[in-house]
Protein backbone atom coordinates (compact mmCIF):
# COMPACT_ATOMS: atom_id res chain seq x y z
CA UNK A 1 3.46 8.28 62.51
CA UNK A 2 3.58 11.40 59.76
CA UNK A 3 6.67 13.45 59.48
CA UNK A 4 4.78 16.87 60.84
CA UNK A 5 3.66 14.84 64.01
CA UNK A 6 6.81 13.29 64.39
CA UNK A 7 8.56 16.74 64.39
CA UNK A 8 5.82 18.36 66.45
CA UNK A 9 6.45 15.36 68.81
CA UNK A 10 10.15 16.45 69.32
CA UNK A 11 10.11 19.75 69.68
CA UNK A 12 6.52 19.64 72.28
CA UNK A 13 9.49 17.86 74.62
CA UNK A 14 8.82 19.45 78.34
CA UNK A 15 12.78 20.27 78.16
CA UNK A 16 12.28 22.81 75.03
CA UNK A 17 8.65 24.44 75.89
CA UNK A 18 9.76 24.58 79.29
CA UNK A 19 12.24 27.12 77.82
CA UNK A 20 9.59 29.10 76.10
CA UNK A 21 7.43 32.07 77.57
CA UNK A 22 3.60 30.05 76.31
CA UNK A 23 4.58 26.66 77.00
CA UNK A 24 4.42 25.82 73.64
CA UNK A 25 5.99 26.09 69.57
CA UNK A 26 4.16 27.21 66.71
CA UNK A 27 3.99 26.05 63.36
CA UNK A 28 4.35 28.48 60.60
CA UNK A 29 3.64 31.60 62.77
CA UNK A 30 3.01 32.61 65.68
CA UNK A 31 0.08 35.13 66.74
CA UNK A 32 -0.02 37.30 69.70
CA UNK A 33 3.10 35.22 71.49
CA UNK A 34 5.40 36.10 73.96
CA UNK A 35 9.25 35.71 73.67
CA UNK A 36 10.96 33.73 73.95
CA UNK A 37 9.17 31.17 70.96
CA UNK A 38 9.95 28.51 69.02
CA UNK A 39 8.41 28.79 64.96
CA UNK A 40 9.09 25.60 63.09
CA UNK A 41 8.11 25.15 59.30
CA UNK A 42 9.00 21.93 56.50
CA UNK A 43 10.62 24.45 54.03
CA UNK A 44 11.16 21.53 51.05
CA UNK A 45 10.42 17.85 51.10
CA UNK A 46 11.95 15.99 47.83
CA UNK A 47 12.51 12.46 46.59
CA UNK A 48 16.21 11.30 46.98
CA UNK A 49 15.86 7.28 46.53
CA UNK A 50 13.44 5.30 44.24
CA UNK A 51 12.61 1.54 43.44
CA UNK A 52 10.92 0.29 40.87
CA UNK A 53 9.57 3.96 39.88
CA UNK A 54 8.03 4.71 43.88
CA UNK A 55 9.73 6.84 45.92
CA UNK A 56 11.40 5.04 49.02
CA UNK A 57 13.41 7.70 50.61
CA UNK A 58 11.81 11.03 51.04
CA UNK A 59 14.00 14.33 52.37
CA UNK A 60 12.43 16.73 54.85
CA UNK A 61 13.85 20.22 54.97
CA UNK A 62 13.09 21.87 58.55
CA UNK A 63 13.90 25.52 59.69
CA UNK A 64 13.46 26.23 63.25
CA UNK A 65 13.37 30.20 64.15
CA UNK A 66 13.63 31.18 67.85
CA UNK A 67 12.46 34.47 69.08
CA UNK A 68 13.72 36.18 72.34
CA UNK A 69 14.26 39.61 74.24
CA UNK A 70 17.81 37.78 75.53
CA UNK A 71 20.44 35.09 75.55
CA UNK A 72 18.45 32.08 73.95
CA UNK A 73 21.39 29.47 74.03
CA UNK A 74 19.93 26.79 76.37
CA UNK A 75 17.00 27.02 74.20
CA UNK A 76 18.75 26.88 71.05
CA UNK A 77 20.83 23.87 72.50
CA UNK A 78 18.05 21.94 73.39
CA UNK A 79 16.29 22.04 69.67
CA UNK A 80 19.78 20.68 68.26
CA UNK A 81 20.05 17.84 70.80
CA UNK A 82 16.51 16.63 70.73
CA UNK A 83 16.34 17.23 66.43
CA UNK A 84 20.06 15.01 66.01
CA UNK A 85 19.61 12.46 68.25
CA UNK A 86 15.98 11.93 66.16
CA UNK A 87 18.15 11.64 63.24
CA UNK A 88 17.97 15.20 61.93
CA UNK A 89 21.25 16.68 60.11
CA UNK A 90 21.87 20.38 60.79
CA UNK A 91 22.61 22.34 57.75
CA UNK A 92 23.11 25.69 58.56
CA UNK A 93 22.65 28.34 61.48
CA UNK A 94 22.27 32.23 61.56
CA UNK A 95 21.94 34.59 64.59
CA UNK A 96 19.69 37.30 63.89
CA UNK A 97 18.27 40.28 64.90
CA UNK A 98 14.60 41.80 64.29
CA UNK A 99 14.63 45.65 63.89
CA UNK A 100 10.64 45.93 63.70
CA UNK A 101 9.98 43.45 66.97
CA UNK A 102 13.61 44.04 68.25
CA UNK A 103 13.80 40.35 69.32
CA UNK A 104 17.02 38.27 68.39
CA UNK A 105 16.24 35.60 65.88
CA UNK A 106 18.38 32.38 65.47
CA UNK A 107 17.53 30.77 62.59
CA UNK A 108 18.32 27.07 62.25
CA UNK A 109 17.89 24.51 59.45
CA UNK A 110 18.13 20.55 59.71
CA UNK A 111 17.94 17.60 57.05
CA UNK A 112 15.66 14.60 57.79
CA UNK A 113 15.72 11.54 55.24
CA UNK A 114 12.74 9.37 55.79
CA UNK A 115 12.51 6.10 54.23
């Protein structure tokens, strides 16, 4: 399974999508989504191990964004739980507020090493 399909399968888990308004997650950008919703993207990937001039391990840097009109703690915790149990390492998280859309925004970054 390729990395994008792997991530999508994890984030489309019913415990996650049932906490979203549209019952799905969006790759890169949501258009006309109802809050709360989740966007995700791989923002970087790079080799971390090589053997005989071939890349044998790759790090994938993932950002997951939650947009909500209110408390998103349950959604945040489910996403962290699913990704971390699948081998992702959480790198950072930030609580934000988007003035233009009047939505709360949780940005979370994770790293996954594929061998």
